[in-house]
Amino acid sequence: MRTSFSDDFDPLLTPSQVCRELGYGRTKVLSLIKLGKLPCVMDGARIRVRHSVVQAYKDTLPAGYVVGKAVGQ
């Protein structure tokens, strides 16, 4: 049973928004999309990634990994 609209709402993010969310550059994000590691939704010719997909990707990162920080910082 749905309790509210927001329970079912999974925002679609632009590649730029994904970059900010992950702390990666645009080339890295587009590469992850191309490799299928970040499945995308096509909105016409525009690429969109579901917020839940980005969260799931973050969950696969190694323990102690800080999103947006280079290794060794």
Protein backbone atom coordinates (compact mmCIF):
# COMPACT_ATOMS: atom_id res chain seq x y z
CA MET A 1 0.00 0.00 0.00
CA ARG A 2 1.30 3.40 -0.91
CA THR A 3 1.61 5.86 1.91
CA SER A 4 2.59 8.88 -0.17
CA PHE A 5 3.63 9.94 -3.64
CA SER A 6 7.24 10.34 -2.51
CA ASP A 7 7.48 6.61 -1.63
CA ASP A 8 7.22 5.75 -5.33
CA PHE A 9 9.13 8.72 -6.71
CA ASP A 10 12.63 7.97 -7.95
CA PRO A 11 14.07 11.12 -9.51
CA LEU A 12 15.88 10.94 -12.83
CA LEU A 13 19.29 12.63 -12.66
CA THR A 14 21.28 14.21 -15.47
CA PRO A 15 24.89 13.08 -15.91
CA SER A 16 25.98 16.39 -14.33
CA GLN A 17 23.87 15.68 -11.26
CA VAL A 18 25.35 12.17 -11.07
CA CYS A 19 28.82 13.75 -11.21
CA ARG A 20 28.00 15.92 -8.20
CA GLU A 21 26.43 13.00 -6.33
CA LEU A 22 29.46 10.75 -6.84
CA GLY A 23 32.20 13.36 -6.97
CA TYR A 24 33.34 12.03 -10.35
CA GLY A 25 34.07 13.89 -13.56
CA ARG A 26 31.73 13.77 -16.55
CA THR A 27 34.00 11.44 -18.52
CA LYS A 28 34.04 8.89 -15.66
CA VAL A 29 30.25 9.00 -15.26
CA LEU A 30 29.63 8.61 -19.00
CA SER A 31 32.11 5.72 -19.05
CA LEU A 32 30.24 3.98 -16.21
CA ILE A 33 26.99 4.46 -18.13
CA LYS A 34 28.52 3.08 -21.34
CA LEU A 35 29.93 0.05 -19.48
CA GLY A 36 26.50 -0.63 -17.98
CA LYS A 37 27.64 -0.05 -14.39
CA LEU A 38 25.19 2.84 -14.15
CA PRO A 39 22.13 1.79 -16.15
CA CYS A 40 20.44 4.76 -17.74
CA VAL A 41 17.06 5.78 -19.07
CA MET A 42 16.88 7.61 -22.37
CA ASP A 43 14.53 10.60 -22.43
CA GLY A 44 14.54 11.22 -26.15
CA ALA A 45 18.21 11.91 -26.84
CA ARG A 46 18.93 12.83 -23.21
CA ILE A 47 20.57 10.46 -20.74
CA ARG A 48 19.04 10.13 -17.29
CA VAL A 49 20.04 7.90 -14.37
CA ARG A 50 17.62 6.93 -11.61
CA HIS A 51 18.64 8.20 -8.17
CA SER A 52 18.19 4.68 -6.76
CA VAL A 53 20.76 3.39 -9.30
CA VAL A 54 23.30 5.97 -8.08
CA GLN A 55 22.60 4.97 -4.46
CA ALA A 56 23.01 1.28 -5.33
CA TYR A 57 26.32 2.06 -7.07
CA LYS A 58 27.52 3.92 -3.97
CA ASP A 59 26.67 0.84 -1.90
CA THR A 60 29.03 -1.27 -4.04
CA LEU A 61 32.03 0.94 -3.30
CA PRO A 62 34.62 -0.48 -0.86
CA ALA A 63 34.16 0.10 2.87
CA GLY A 64 35.82 3.34 3.94
CA TYR A 65 35.66 4.80 0.42
CA VAL A 66 34.75 8.47 0.55
CA VAL A 67 32.77 9.52 -2.50
CA GLY A 68 34.39 12.46 -4.23
CA LYS A 69 37.83 12.00 -2.68
CA ALA A 70 40.82 10.70 -4.58
CA VAL A 71 42.41 7.56 -3.15
CA GLY A 72 45.10 8.49 -0.62
CA GLN A 73 43.58 11.84 0.38
